[in-house]
Amino acid sequence: MDNQTLAGLLAATPAADLKIIELAAELTLPGAGLDLDAAAARQADVELACAQAQDYAAATRRLLEAMRWQLRPRRS
């Protein structure tokens, strides 16, 4: 893998502005449980936030594997 590929993976990794974090804070009850009724009412938002988080995880996983490959010990 060359540096161009690594740079492309880095550029393809979305910013870490994950809606799931904000949404989880909004849907958390004072006792730290999840407000299931509120979550059900916002099902579309929950699904979108979950999809965004999964996309982010996949992109960062690809970047991590590429970096590990680049940093692997080389045999002479």
PDB file of N, CA and C in Angstrom:
ATOM      1  N   MET A   1       0.862  -1.179   0.000  1.00  0.00           N
ATOM      2  CA  MET A   1       0.000   0.000   0.000  1.00  0.00           C
ATOM      3  C   MET A   1       0.903   1.236   0.000  1.00  0.00           C
ATOM      4  N   ASP A   2       0.573   2.178  -0.831  1.00  0.00           N
ATOM      5  CA  ASP A   2       1.383   3.380  -0.925  1.00  0.00           C
ATOM      6  C   ASP A   2       0.764   4.524  -0.125  1.00  0.00           C
ATOM      7  N   ASN A   3       1.506   5.608  -0.027  1.00  0.00           N
ATOM      8  CA  ASN A   3       1.035   6.763   0.742  1.00  0.00           C
ATOM      9  C   ASN A   3      -0.189   7.397   0.122  1.00  0.00           C
ATOM     10  N   GLN A   4      -0.330   7.299  -1.213  1.00  0.00           N
ATOM     11  CA  GLN A   4      -1.514   7.835  -1.873  1.00  0.00           C
ATOM     12  C   GLN A   4      -2.763   7.109  -1.407  1.00  0.00           C
ATOM     13  N   THR A   5      -2.667   5.792  -1.298  1.00  0.00           N
ATOM     14  CA  THR A   5      -3.808   5.005  -0.836  1.00  0.00           C
ATOM     15  C   THR A   5      -4.141   5.360   0.597  1.00  0.00           C
ATOM     16  N   LEU A   6      -3.140   5.480   1.438  1.00  0.00           N
ATOM     17  CA  LEU A   6      -3.342   5.853   2.837  1.00  0.00           C
ATOM     18  C   LEU A   6      -3.970   7.239   2.935  1.00  0.00           C
ATOM     19  N   ALA A   7      -3.498   8.166   2.132  1.00  0.00           N
ATOM     20  CA  ALA A   7      -4.077   9.514   2.129  1.00  0.00           C
ATOM     21  C   ALA A   7      -5.527   9.484   1.662  1.00  0.00           C
ATOM     22  N   GLY A   8      -5.826   8.639   0.697  1.00  0.00           N
ATOM     23  CA  GLY A   8      -7.195   8.506   0.217  1.00  0.00           C
ATOM     24  C   GLY A   8      -8.112   7.945   1.294  1.00  0.00           C
ATOM     25  N   LEU A   9      -7.624   6.944   2.035  1.00  0.00           N
ATOM     26  CA  LEU A   9      -8.409   6.385   3.135  1.00  0.00           C
ATOM     27  C   LEU A   9      -8.645   7.436   4.216  1.00  0.00           C
ATOM     28  N   LEU A  10      -7.614   8.215   4.504  1.00  0.00           N
ATOM     29  CA  LEU A  10      -7.745   9.271   5.506  1.00  0.00           C
ATOM     30  C   LEU A  10      -8.761  10.313   5.053  1.00  0.00           C
ATOM     31  N   ALA A  11      -8.700  10.702   3.806  1.00  0.00           N
ATOM     32  CA  ALA A  11      -9.645  11.686   3.283  1.00  0.00           C
ATOM     33  C   ALA A  11     -11.071  11.136   3.266  1.00  0.00           C
ATOM     34  N   ALA A  12     -11.215   9.826   3.092  1.00  0.00           N
ATOM     35  CA  ALA A  12     -12.540   9.208   3.041  1.00  0.00           C
ATOM     36  C   ALA A  12     -13.133   8.962   4.429  1.00  0.00           C
ATOM     37  N   THR A  13     -12.325   9.110   5.457  1.00  0.00           N
ATOM     38  CA  THR A  13     -12.818   8.903   6.816  1.00  0.00           C
ATOM     39  C   THR A  13     -13.575  10.157   7.246  1.00  0.00           C
ATOM     40  N   PRO A  14     -14.850  10.002   7.576  1.00  0.00           N
ATOM     41  CA  PRO A  14     -15.649  11.183   7.933  1.00  0.00           C
ATOM     42  C   PRO A  14     -15.201  11.802   9.255  1.00  0.00           C
ATOM     43  N   ALA A  15     -15.551  13.048   9.423  1.00  0.00           N
ATOM     44  CA  ALA A  15     -15.260  13.726  10.691  1.00  0.00           C
ATOM     45  C   ALA A  15     -16.002  13.017  11.815  1.00  0.00           C
ATOM     46  N   ALA A  16     -15.489  13.132  13.014  1.00  0.00           N
ATOM     47  CA  ALA A  16     -16.055  12.412  14.162  1.00  0.00           C
ATOM     48  C   ALA A  16     -17.221  13.155  14.804  1.00  0.00           C
ATOM     49  N   ASP A  17     -18.028  13.812  14.004  1.00  0.00           N
ATOM     50  CA  ASP A  17     -19.213  14.504  14.491  1.00  0.00           C
ATOM     51  C   ASP A  17     -20.383  13.541  14.425  1.00  0.00           C
ATOM     52  N   LEU A  18     -20.420  12.595  15.380  1.00  0.00           N
ATOM     53  CA  LEU A  18     -21.408  11.526  15.333  1.00  0.00           C
ATOM     54  C   LEU A  18     -22.702  11.938  16.016  1.00  0.00           C
ATOM     55  N   LYS A  19     -23.787  11.826  15.276  1.00  0.00           N
ATOM     56  CA  LYS A  19     -25.109  12.192  15.797  1.00  0.00           C
ATOM     57  C   LYS A  19     -25.562  11.251  16.911  1.00  0.00           C
ATOM     58  N   ILE A  20     -25.040  10.023  16.933  1.00  0.00           N
ATOM     59  CA  ILE A  20     -25.456   9.047  17.930  1.00  0.00           C
ATOM     60  C   ILE A  20     -25.111   9.525  19.342  1.00  0.00           C
ATOM     61  N   ILE A  21     -24.029  10.266  19.484  1.00  0.00           N
ATOM     62  CA  ILE A  21     -23.618  10.753  20.804  1.00  0.00           C
ATOM     63  C   ILE A  21     -24.609  11.792  21.309  1.00  0.00           C
ATOM     64  N   GLU A  22     -24.931  12.749  20.463  1.00  0.00           N
ATOM     65  CA  GLU A  22     -25.908  13.782  20.817  1.00  0.00           C
ATOM     66  C   GLU A  22     -27.284  13.163  21.071  1.00  0.00           C
ATOM     67  N   LEU A  23     -27.680  12.239  20.210  1.00  0.00           N
ATOM     68  CA  LEU A  23     -28.979  11.596  20.342  1.00  0.00           C
ATOM     69  C   LEU A  23     -29.068  10.773  21.632  1.00  0.00           C
ATOM     70  N   ALA A  24     -28.008  10.059  21.946  1.00  0.00           N
ATOM     71  CA  ALA A  24     -27.994   9.272  23.181  1.00  0.00           C
ATOM     72  C   ALA A  24     -28.145  10.181  24.394  1.00  0.00           C
ATOM     73  N   ALA A  25     -27.489  11.327  24.376  1.00  0.00           N
ATOM     74  CA  ALA A  25     -27.620  12.273  25.480  1.00  0.00           C
ATOM     75  C   ALA A  25     -29.055  12.786  25.590  1.00  0.00           C
ATOM     76  N   GLU A  26     -29.669  13.041  24.453  1.00  0.00           N
ATOM     77  CA  GLU A  26     -31.048  13.539  24.455  1.00  0.00           C
ATOM     78  C   GLU A  26     -32.048  12.490  24.931  1.00  0.00           C
ATOM     79  N   LEU A  27     -31.760  11.229  24.693  1.00  0.00           N
ATOM     80  CA  LEU A  27     -32.699  10.155  25.017  1.00  0.00           C
ATOM     81  C   LEU A  27     -32.416   9.465  26.349  1.00  0.00           C
ATOM     82  N   THR A  28     -31.415   9.945  27.071  1.00  0.00           N
ATOM     83  CA  THR A  28     -31.071   9.340  28.354  1.00  0.00           C
ATOM     84  C   THR A  28     -31.902   9.959  29.467  1.00  0.00           C
ATOM     85  N   LEU A  29     -32.468   9.086  30.283  1.00  0.00           N
ATOM     86  CA  LEU A  29     -33.261   9.519  31.438  1.00  0.00           C
ATOM     87  C   LEU A  29     -32.341   9.914  32.583  1.00  0.00           C
ATOM     88  N   PRO A  30     -32.842  10.687  33.554  1.00  0.00           N
ATOM     89  CA  PRO A  30     -32.010  11.101  34.690  1.00  0.00           C
ATOM     90  C   PRO A  30     -31.351   9.926  35.425  1.00  0.00           C
ATOM     91  N   GLY A  31     -31.994   8.780  35.475  1.00  0.00           N
ATOM     92  CA  GLY A  31     -31.410   7.621  36.139  1.00  0.00           C
ATOM     93  C   GLY A  31     -30.450   6.849  35.258  1.00  0.00           C
ATOM     94  N   ALA A  32     -30.068   7.411  34.119  1.00  0.00           N
ATOM     95  CA  ALA A  32     -29.102   6.853  33.165  1.00  0.00           C
ATOM     96  C   ALA A  32     -29.679   5.760  32.281  1.00  0.00           C
ATOM     97  N   GLY A  33     -30.977   5.565  32.291  1.00  0.00           N
ATOM     98  CA  GLY A  33     -31.598   4.617  31.375  1.00  0.00           C
ATOM     99  C   GLY A  33     -31.997   5.310  30.085  1.00  0.00           C
ATOM    100  N   LEU A  34     -32.334   4.522  29.098  1.00  0.00           N
ATOM    101  CA  LEU A  34     -32.752   5.067  27.816  1.00  0.00           C
ATOM    102  C   LEU A  34     -34.272   5.232  27.819  1.00  0.00           C
ATOM    103  N   ASP A  35     -34.741   6.376  27.389  1.00  0.00           N
ATOM    104  CA  ASP A  35     -36.179   6.636  27.279  1.00  0.00           C
ATOM    105  C   ASP A  35     -36.672   5.948  26.012  1.00  0.00           C
ATOM    106  N   LEU A  36     -37.194   4.738  26.177  1.00  0.00           N
ATOM    107  CA  LEU A  36     -37.602   3.935  25.029  1.00  0.00           C
ATOM    108  C   LEU A  36     -38.752   4.552  24.251  1.00  0.00           C
ATOM    109  N   ASP A  37     -39.664   5.222  24.949  1.00  0.00           N
ATOM    110  CA  ASP A  37     -40.774   5.874  24.253  1.00  0.00           C
ATOM    111  C   ASP A  37     -40.268   7.011  23.373  1.00  0.00           C
ATOM    112  N   ALA A  38     -39.362   7.800  23.907  1.00  0.00           N
ATOM    113  CA  ALA A  38     -38.789   8.902  23.127  1.00  0.00           C
ATOM    114  C   ALA A  38     -37.964   8.360  21.960  1.00  0.00           C
ATOM    115  N   ALA A  39     -37.231   7.274  22.198  1.00  0.00           N
ATOM    116  CA  ALA A  39     -36.431   6.663  21.133  1.00  0.00           C
ATOM    117  C   ALA A  39     -37.334   6.126  20.030  1.00  0.00           C
ATOM    118  N   ALA A  40     -38.443   5.508  20.425  1.00  0.00           N
ATOM    119  CA  ALA A  40     -39.385   4.978  19.428  1.00  0.00           C
ATOM    120  C   ALA A  40     -39.997   6.117  18.614  1.00  0.00           C
ATOM    121  N   ALA A  41     -40.276   7.229  19.256  1.00  0.00           N
ATOM    122  CA  ALA A  41     -40.850   8.375  18.558  1.00  0.00           C
ATOM    123  C   ALA A  41     -39.855   8.985  17.575  1.00  0.00           C
ATOM    124  N   ARG A  42     -38.575   8.756  17.819  1.00  0.00           N
ATOM    125  CA  ARG A  42     -37.530   9.310  16.948  1.00  0.00           C
ATOM    126  C   ARG A  42     -36.809   8.201  16.188  1.00  0.00           C
ATOM    127  N   GLN A  43     -37.536   7.170  15.851  1.00  0.00           N
ATOM    128  CA  GLN A  43     -36.953   5.983  15.207  1.00  0.00           C
ATOM    129  C   GLN A  43     -36.124   6.338  13.976  1.00  0.00           C
ATOM    130  N   ALA A  44     -36.612   7.233  13.150  1.00  0.00           N
ATOM    131  CA  ALA A  44     -35.865   7.610  11.948  1.00  0.00           C
ATOM    132  C   ALA A  44     -34.524   8.240  12.313  1.00  0.00           C
ATOM    133  N   ASP A  45     -34.526   9.112  13.327  1.00  0.00           N
ATOM    134  CA  ASP A  45     -33.282   9.733  13.779  1.00  0.00           C
ATOM    135  C   ASP A  45     -32.323   8.690  14.338  1.00  0.00           C
ATOM    136  N   VAL A  46     -32.866   7.744  15.102  1.00  0.00           N
ATOM    137  CA  VAL A  46     -32.042   6.684  15.692  1.00  0.00           C
ATOM    138  C   VAL A  46     -31.400   5.845  14.583  1.00  0.00           C
ATOM    139  N   GLU A  47     -32.177   5.453  13.592  1.00  0.00           N
ATOM    140  CA  GLU A  47     -31.650   4.638  12.496  1.00  0.00           C
ATOM    141  C   GLU A  47     -30.589   5.380  11.704  1.00  0.00           C
ATOM    142  N   LEU A  48     -30.826   6.652  11.437  1.00  0.00           N
ATOM    143  CA  LEU A  48     -29.848   7.456  10.710  1.00  0.00           C
ATOM    144  C   LEU A  48     -28.561   7.609  11.513  1.00  0.00           C
ATOM    145  N   ALA A  49     -28.686   7.866  12.806  1.00  0.00           N
ATOM    146  CA  ALA A  49     -27.513   8.022  13.660  1.00  0.00           C
ATOM    147  C   ALA A  49     -26.726   6.714  13.755  1.00  0.00           C
ATOM    148  N   CYS A  50     -27.440   5.592  13.833  1.00  0.00           N
ATOM    149  CA  CYS A  50     -26.773   4.288  13.882  1.00  0.00           C
ATOM    150  C   CYS A  50     -26.038   4.004  12.574  1.00  0.00           C
ATOM    151  N   ALA A  51     -26.656   4.304  11.459  1.00  0.00           N
ATOM    152  CA  ALA A  51     -26.016   4.096  10.155  1.00  0.00           C
ATOM    153  C   ALA A  51     -24.769   4.966  10.026  1.00  0.00           C
ATOM    154  N   GLN A  52     -24.850   6.207  10.482  1.00  0.00           N
ATOM    155  CA  GLN A  52     -23.699   7.105  10.427  1.00  0.00           C
ATOM    156  C   GLN A  52     -22.559   6.558  11.286  1.00  0.00           C
ATOM    157  N   ALA A  53     -22.883   6.071  12.482  1.00  0.00           N
ATOM    158  CA  ALA A  53     -21.865   5.516  13.377  1.00  0.00           C
ATOM    159  C   ALA A  53     -21.234   4.262  12.772  1.00  0.00           C
ATOM    160  N   GLN A  54     -22.033   3.431  12.129  1.00  0.00           N
ATOM    161  CA  GLN A  54     -21.497   2.229  11.483  1.00  0.00           C
ATOM    162  C   GLN A  54     -20.593   2.590  10.313  1.00  0.00           C
ATOM    163  N   ASP A  55     -20.975   3.587   9.533  1.00  0.00           N
ATOM    164  CA  ASP A  55     -20.134   4.046   8.423  1.00  0.00           C
ATOM    165  C   ASP A  55     -18.804   4.577   8.948  1.00  0.00           C
ATOM    166  N   TYR A  56     -18.868   5.344  10.022  1.00  0.00           N
ATOM    167  CA  TYR A  56     -17.650   5.897  10.626  1.00  0.00           C
ATOM    168  C   TYR A  56     -16.757   4.770  11.129  1.00  0.00           C
ATOM    169  N   ALA A  57     -17.350   3.799  11.800  1.00  0.00           N
ATOM    170  CA  ALA A  57     -16.570   2.675  12.323  1.00  0.00           C
ATOM    171  C   ALA A  57     -15.895   1.902  11.195  1.00  0.00           C
ATOM    172  N   ALA A  58     -16.615   1.675  10.103  1.00  0.00           N
ATOM    173  CA  ALA A  58     -16.042   0.950   8.975  1.00  0.00           C
ATOM    174  C   ALA A  58     -14.892   1.728   8.339  1.00  0.00           C
ATOM    175  N   ALA A  59     -15.077   3.027   8.178  1.00  0.00           N
ATOM    176  CA  ALA A  59     -14.026   3.856   7.576  1.00  0.00           C
ATOM    177  C   ALA A  59     -12.792   3.915   8.462  1.00  0.00           C
ATOM    178  N   THR A  60     -12.988   4.055   9.755  1.00  0.00           N
ATOM    179  CA  THR A  60     -11.831   4.106  10.649  1.00  0.00           C
ATOM    180  C   THR A  60     -11.163   2.737  10.748  1.00  0.00           C
ATOM    181  N   ARG A  61     -11.937   1.661  10.635  1.00  0.00           N
ATOM    182  CA  ARG A  61     -11.358   0.320  10.640  1.00  0.00           C
ATOM    183  C   ARG A  61     -10.457   0.128   9.420  1.00  0.00           C
ATOM    184  N   ARG A  62     -10.925   0.588   8.245  1.00  0.00           N
ATOM    185  CA  ARG A  62     -10.096   0.483   7.041  1.00  0.00           C
ATOM    186  C   ARG A  62      -8.810   1.290   7.196  1.00  0.00           C
ATOM    187  N   LEU A  63      -8.932   2.483   7.748  1.00  0.00           N
ATOM    188  CA  LEU A  63      -7.754   3.327   7.958  1.00  0.00           C
ATOM    189  C   LEU A  63      -6.798   2.677   8.953  1.00  0.00           C
ATOM    190  N   LEU A  64      -7.323   2.136  10.031  1.00  0.00           N
ATOM    191  CA  LEU A  64      -6.497   1.466  11.032  1.00  0.00           C
ATOM    192  C   LEU A  64      -5.741   0.297  10.420  1.00  0.00           C
ATOM    193  N   GLU A  65      -6.421  -0.533   9.653  1.00  0.00           N
ATOM    194  CA  GLU A  65      -5.759  -1.674   9.023  1.00  0.00           C
ATOM    195  C   GLU A  65      -4.686  -1.216   8.041  1.00  0.00           C
ATOM    196  N   ALA A  66      -4.948  -0.164   7.307  1.00  0.00           N
ATOM    197  CA  ALA A  66      -3.956   0.358   6.368  1.00  0.00           C
ATOM    198  C   ALA A  66      -2.727   0.871   7.114  1.00  0.00           C
ATOM    199  N   MET A  67      -2.952   1.555   8.212  1.00  0.00           N
ATOM    200  CA  MET A  67      -1.826   2.069   8.989  1.00  0.00           C
ATOM    201  C   MET A  67      -1.034   0.922   9.613  1.00  0.00           C
ATOM    202  N   ARG A  68      -1.743  -0.088  10.116  1.00  0.00           N
ATOM    203  CA  ARG A  68      -1.035  -1.249  10.665  1.00  0.00           C
ATOM    204  C   ARG A  68      -0.199  -1.922   9.588  1.00  0.00           C
ATOM    205  N   TRP A  69      -0.746  -2.016   8.382  1.00  0.00           N
ATOM    206  CA  TRP A  69      -0.017  -2.637   7.289  1.00  0.00           C
ATOM    207  C   TRP A  69       1.238  -1.829   6.968  1.00  0.00           C
ATOM    208  N   GLN A  70       1.092  -0.511   6.955  1.00  0.00           N
ATOM    209  CA  GLN A  70       2.239   0.366   6.676  1.00  0.00           C
ATOM    210  C   GLN A  70       3.308   0.251   7.764  1.00  0.00           C
ATOM    211  N   LEU A  71       2.876   0.069   9.002  1.00  0.00           N
ATOM    212  CA  LEU A  71       3.805   0.065  10.132  1.00  0.00           C
ATOM    213  C   LEU A  71       4.311  -1.329  10.500  1.00  0.00           C
ATOM    214  N   ARG A  72       3.901  -2.340   9.768  1.00  0.00           N
ATOM    215  CA  ARG A  72       4.302  -3.701  10.102  1.00  0.00           C
ATOM    216  C   ARG A  72       5.827  -3.840   9.967  1.00  0.00           C
ATOM    217  N   PRO A  73       6.408  -4.720  10.767  1.00  0.00           N
ATOM    218  CA  PRO A  73       7.859  -4.945  10.637  1.00  0.00           C
ATOM    219  C   PRO A  73       8.188  -5.495   9.261  1.00  0.00           C
ATOM    220  N   ARG A  74       9.195  -4.980   8.678  1.00  0.00           N
ATOM    221  CA  ARG A  74       9.637  -5.419   7.350  1.00  0.00           C
ATOM    222  C   ARG A  74      10.774  -6.426   7.517  1.00  0.00           C
ATOM    223  N   ARG A  75      10.715  -7.457   6.713  1.00  0.00           N
ATOM    224  CA  ARG A  75      11.802  -8.441   6.723  1.00  0.00           C
ATOM    225  C   ARG A  75      12.824  -8.050   5.668  1.00  0.00           C
ATOM    226  N   SER A  76      14.053  -8.193   5.980  1.00  0.00           N
ATOM    227  CA  SER A  76      15.115  -7.814   5.050  1.00  0.00           C
ATOM    228  C   SER A  76      15.367  -8.892   4.023  1.00  0.00           C
TER     229      SER A  76
END
